[in-house]
Amino acid sequence: MNQKRVIEVAATLFLEKGFAYTSMDELVRVSKVSKSNVYYHFSDKEELLAGVVDYWIETYQRAMDQILSQNQLSVEDRVQMFLEHLSQGVQSREYKGSCPFITLYIQSPAQATHIKEKIGLFFTGLQMKVSLLLQQGVEKGEFRNTIHIDEVAALFITNLEGALFLSETLKDATVIMKTASQFFNLLR
């Protein structure tokens, strides 16, 4: 329980203040978990960062798997449901760290290559899921059969990351949904 609490608080603080500007002492104060207990679970801040990245991966994977597995819905509807979930997350974080993965990747220390690799693997897996969804959309006649699925999947993720960034800078989560709608219009 304490480990989960520390990770959740660190996830918020790292996005709000930045990894470098969040001290372990502040984390202890905000989480109300003793310093000895924090260090029992995490030997240093970099190990905590790895735990935070795992937290975000699990959070996103759970949401993606739950929403995207609803095969009775169209591909576009499933993706829009996931994006609505993302939009709500961005709003609940008050537009700080719209994409936790990009934010944490940039903030990771140079020597934290294992963390950067973990984030890279997340995006590789995400692109594979988007490719599968696009293939389903083509097979169901939702999208043109002439699209290059893997290239379009990569483009979708790039667009999504741009939309997340714009939603943060403009303080407008509707950018995410509007961007996706326009993207899907291009696939028909």
Protein backbone atom coordinates (compact mmCIF):
# COMPACT_ATOMS: atom_id res chain seq x y z
CA MET A 1 0.00 0.00 0.00
CA ASN A 2 2.77 2.47 0.92
CA GLN A 3 4.69 1.60 -2.23
CA LYS A 4 1.61 2.30 -4.37
CA ARG A 5 0.98 5.58 -2.54
CA VAL A 6 4.57 6.73 -3.09
CA ILE A 7 4.41 5.89 -6.81
CA GLU A 8 1.08 7.70 -7.27
CA VAL A 9 2.36 10.82 -5.49
CA ALA A 10 5.64 10.70 -7.41
CA ALA A 11 3.74 10.33 -10.69
CA THR A 12 1.87 13.53 -9.93
CA LEU A 13 4.88 15.47 -8.62
CA PHE A 14 7.12 14.46 -11.54
CA LEU A 15 4.54 15.79 -14.00
CA GLU A 16 3.77 18.94 -12.01
CA LYS A 17 7.26 19.95 -10.90
CA GLY A 18 9.58 17.76 -12.92
CA PHE A 19 11.74 14.82 -11.96
CA ALA A 20 14.82 16.94 -11.23
CA TYR A 21 12.87 19.42 -9.09
CA THR A 22 11.08 16.84 -6.94
CA SER A 23 13.10 15.86 -3.89
CA MET A 24 12.71 12.65 -1.98
CA ASP A 25 12.03 14.78 1.12
CA GLU A 26 9.11 16.46 -0.64
CA LEU A 27 7.83 13.07 -1.73
CA VAL A 28 7.94 11.87 1.89
CA ARG A 29 6.09 14.99 3.04
CA VAL A 30 3.36 14.86 0.39
CA SER A 31 2.85 11.09 0.45
CA LYS A 32 2.88 10.93 4.25
CA VAL A 33 4.97 7.76 3.98
CA SER A 34 8.03 7.60 6.22
CA LYS A 35 11.42 8.19 4.66
CA SER A 36 12.63 4.76 5.76
CA ASN A 37 9.60 3.15 4.11
CA VAL A 38 10.18 5.09 0.87
CA TYR A 39 13.81 3.96 0.77
CA TYR A 40 12.78 0.42 1.66
CA HIS A 41 10.86 0.27 -1.63
CA PHE A 42 13.11 2.52 -3.75
CA SER A 43 16.86 2.74 -3.24
CA ASP A 44 17.06 6.03 -5.12
CA LYS A 45 15.03 8.47 -7.18
CA GLU A 46 15.90 6.75 -10.46
CA GLU A 47 14.44 3.49 -9.19
CA LEU A 48 11.33 5.43 -8.21
CA LEU A 49 11.20 6.92 -11.72
CA ALA A 50 11.21 3.39 -13.14
CA GLY A 51 8.29 2.57 -10.83
CA VAL A 52 6.44 5.67 -12.03
CA VAL A 53 6.97 4.70 -15.68
CA ASP A 54 5.63 1.21 -14.89
CA TYR A 55 2.64 2.84 -13.18
CA TRP A 56 1.81 4.88 -16.29
CA ILE A 57 2.34 1.90 -18.60
CA GLU A 58 -0.01 -0.25 -16.50
CA THR A 59 -2.57 2.56 -16.30
CA TYR A 60 -2.58 3.08 -20.08
CA GLN A 61 -2.48 -0.64 -20.89
CA ARG A 62 -5.45 -1.34 -18.62
CA ALA A 63 -7.50 1.45 -20.20
CA MET A 64 -6.50 0.47 -23.74
CA ASP A 65 -7.23 -3.20 -23.25
CA GLN A 66 -10.59 -2.54 -21.62
CA ILE A 67 -11.83 -0.11 -24.24
CA LEU A 68 -10.23 -1.50 -27.36
CA SER A 69 -11.45 -5.05 -26.71
CA GLN A 70 -15.08 -4.00 -27.18
CA ASN A 71 -15.26 -5.52 -30.66
CA GLN A 72 -18.99 -4.83 -31.04
CA LEU A 73 -18.07 -1.16 -31.56
CA SER A 74 -16.44 0.31 -34.63
CA VAL A 75 -12.70 0.87 -34.57
CA GLU A 76 -13.22 4.61 -34.60
CA ASP A 77 -15.65 4.44 -31.66
CA ARG A 78 -13.20 2.34 -29.63
CA VAL A 79 -10.32 4.71 -30.34
CA GLN A 80 -12.50 7.73 -29.54
CA MET A 81 -13.45 6.12 -26.20
CA PHE A 82 -9.78 5.66 -25.36
CA LEU A 83 -9.01 9.23 -26.39
CA GLU A 84 -11.88 10.48 -24.25
CA HIS A 85 -10.23 8.64 -21.36
CA LEU A 86 -6.92 10.37 -22.21
CA SER A 87 -8.66 13.75 -22.43
CA GLN A 88 -10.19 13.30 -19.00
CA GLY A 89 -6.77 12.38 -17.61
CA VAL A 90 -5.19 15.49 -19.11
CA GLN A 91 -7.95 17.65 -17.63
CA SER A 92 -7.73 15.98 -14.21
CA ARG A 93 -3.97 16.71 -14.15
CA GLU A 94 -4.82 20.32 -14.97
CA TYR A 95 -2.97 20.09 -18.29
CA LYS A 96 0.39 19.22 -16.69
CA GLY A 97 2.35 16.47 -18.39
CA SER A 98 -0.26 15.76 -21.04
CA CYS A 99 1.71 12.72 -22.18
CA PRO A 100 3.42 11.25 -19.14
CA PHE A 101 5.71 9.14 -21.32
CA ILE A 102 7.15 12.01 -23.34
CA THR A 103 7.44 14.16 -20.21
CA LEU A 104 9.25 11.45 -18.25
CA TYR A 105 11.43 10.46 -21.20
CA ILE A 106 12.67 14.02 -21.56
CA GLN A 107 13.17 14.39 -17.79
CA SER A 108 15.00 11.08 -17.33
CA PRO A 109 18.68 11.36 -16.45
CA ALA A 110 21.03 10.61 -19.36
CA GLN A 111 22.29 7.45 -17.66
CA ALA A 112 18.74 6.09 -17.20
CA THR A 113 18.80 4.25 -20.52
CA HIS A 114 16.69 1.39 -19.15
CA ILE A 115 13.86 3.85 -18.45
CA LYS A 116 14.09 5.37 -21.92
CA GLU A 117 14.10 1.88 -23.44
CA LYS A 118 11.02 0.93 -21.41
CA ILE A 119 9.18 3.99 -22.73
CA GLY A 120 10.33 3.15 -26.26
CA LEU A 121 8.94 -0.38 -25.89
CA PHE A 122 5.63 1.06 -24.71
CA PHE A 123 5.36 3.11 -27.91
CA THR A 124 6.36 0.09 -30.02
CA GLY A 125 3.55 -1.90 -28.40
CA LEU A 126 1.14 0.98 -28.84
CA GLN A 127 1.95 1.19 -32.53
CA MET A 128 1.33 -2.55 -32.90
CA LYS A 129 -2.09 -2.18 -31.24
CA VAL A 130 -2.98 0.73 -33.50
CA SER A 131 -1.88 -1.30 -36.53
CA LEU A 132 -4.16 -4.16 -35.48
CA LEU A 133 -7.06 -1.77 -35.02
CA LEU A 134 -6.48 -0.20 -38.41
CA GLN A 135 -6.38 -3.66 -39.98
CA GLN A 136 -9.73 -4.42 -38.34
CA GLY A 137 -11.08 -1.14 -39.69
CA VAL A 138 -9.98 -2.02 -43.20
CA GLU A 139 -11.45 -5.53 -42.93
CA LYS A 140 -14.78 -4.13 -41.69
CA GLY A 141 -14.87 -1.54 -44.48
CA GLU A 142 -14.49 1.42 -42.10
CA PHE A 143 -11.27 2.57 -43.81
CA ARG A 144 -9.92 2.45 -47.36
CA ASN A 145 -8.09 -0.77 -48.16
CA THR A 146 -5.27 1.19 -49.79
CA ILE A 147 -3.83 2.64 -46.59
CA HIS A 148 -0.37 1.51 -45.47
CA ILE A 149 -1.33 0.25 -42.04
CA ASP A 150 2.00 0.42 -40.21
CA GLU A 151 2.84 3.85 -41.62
CA VAL A 152 -0.61 5.16 -40.75
CA ALA A 153 -0.30 3.71 -37.23
CA ALA A 154 2.98 5.58 -36.73
CA LEU A 155 1.38 8.74 -38.12
CA PHE A 156 -1.59 8.32 -35.78
CA ILE A 157 0.67 8.12 -32.73
CA THR A 158 2.63 11.16 -33.92
CA ASN A 159 -0.63 13.07 -34.37
CA LEU A 160 -1.86 11.94 -30.97
CA GLU A 161 1.33 13.12 -29.25
CA GLY A 162 1.04 16.46 -31.02
CA ALA A 163 -2.60 16.75 -29.97
CA LEU A 164 -1.68 15.94 -26.37
CA PHE A 165 0.99 18.63 -26.43
CA LEU A 166 -1.39 21.18 -27.95
CA SER A 167 -4.09 20.31 -25.42
CA GLU A 168 -1.61 21.14 -22.66
CA THR A 169 -0.40 24.39 -24.19
CA LEU A 170 -3.90 25.57 -25.13
CA LYS A 171 -5.53 24.16 -21.98
CA ASP A 172 -8.11 22.55 -24.24
CA ALA A 173 -8.58 18.78 -24.18
CA THR A 174 -11.03 18.88 -27.10
CA VAL A 175 -8.00 19.21 -29.39
CA ILE A 176 -7.35 15.49 -28.84
CA MET A 177 -10.79 14.40 -30.05
CA LYS A 178 -10.90 16.88 -32.92
CA THR A 179 -7.51 15.76 -34.19
CA ALA A 180 -8.55 12.11 -34.12
CA SER A 181 -11.81 12.84 -35.91
CA GLN A 182 -10.00 14.64 -38.70
CA PHE A 183 -7.44 11.84 -38.89
CA PHE A 184 -10.14 9.21 -39.33
CA ASN A 185 -11.82 11.32 -42.01
CA LEU A 186 -8.60 11.02 -44.01
CA LEU A 187 -8.75 7.22 -43.84
CA ARG A 188 -12.22 6.86 -45.34
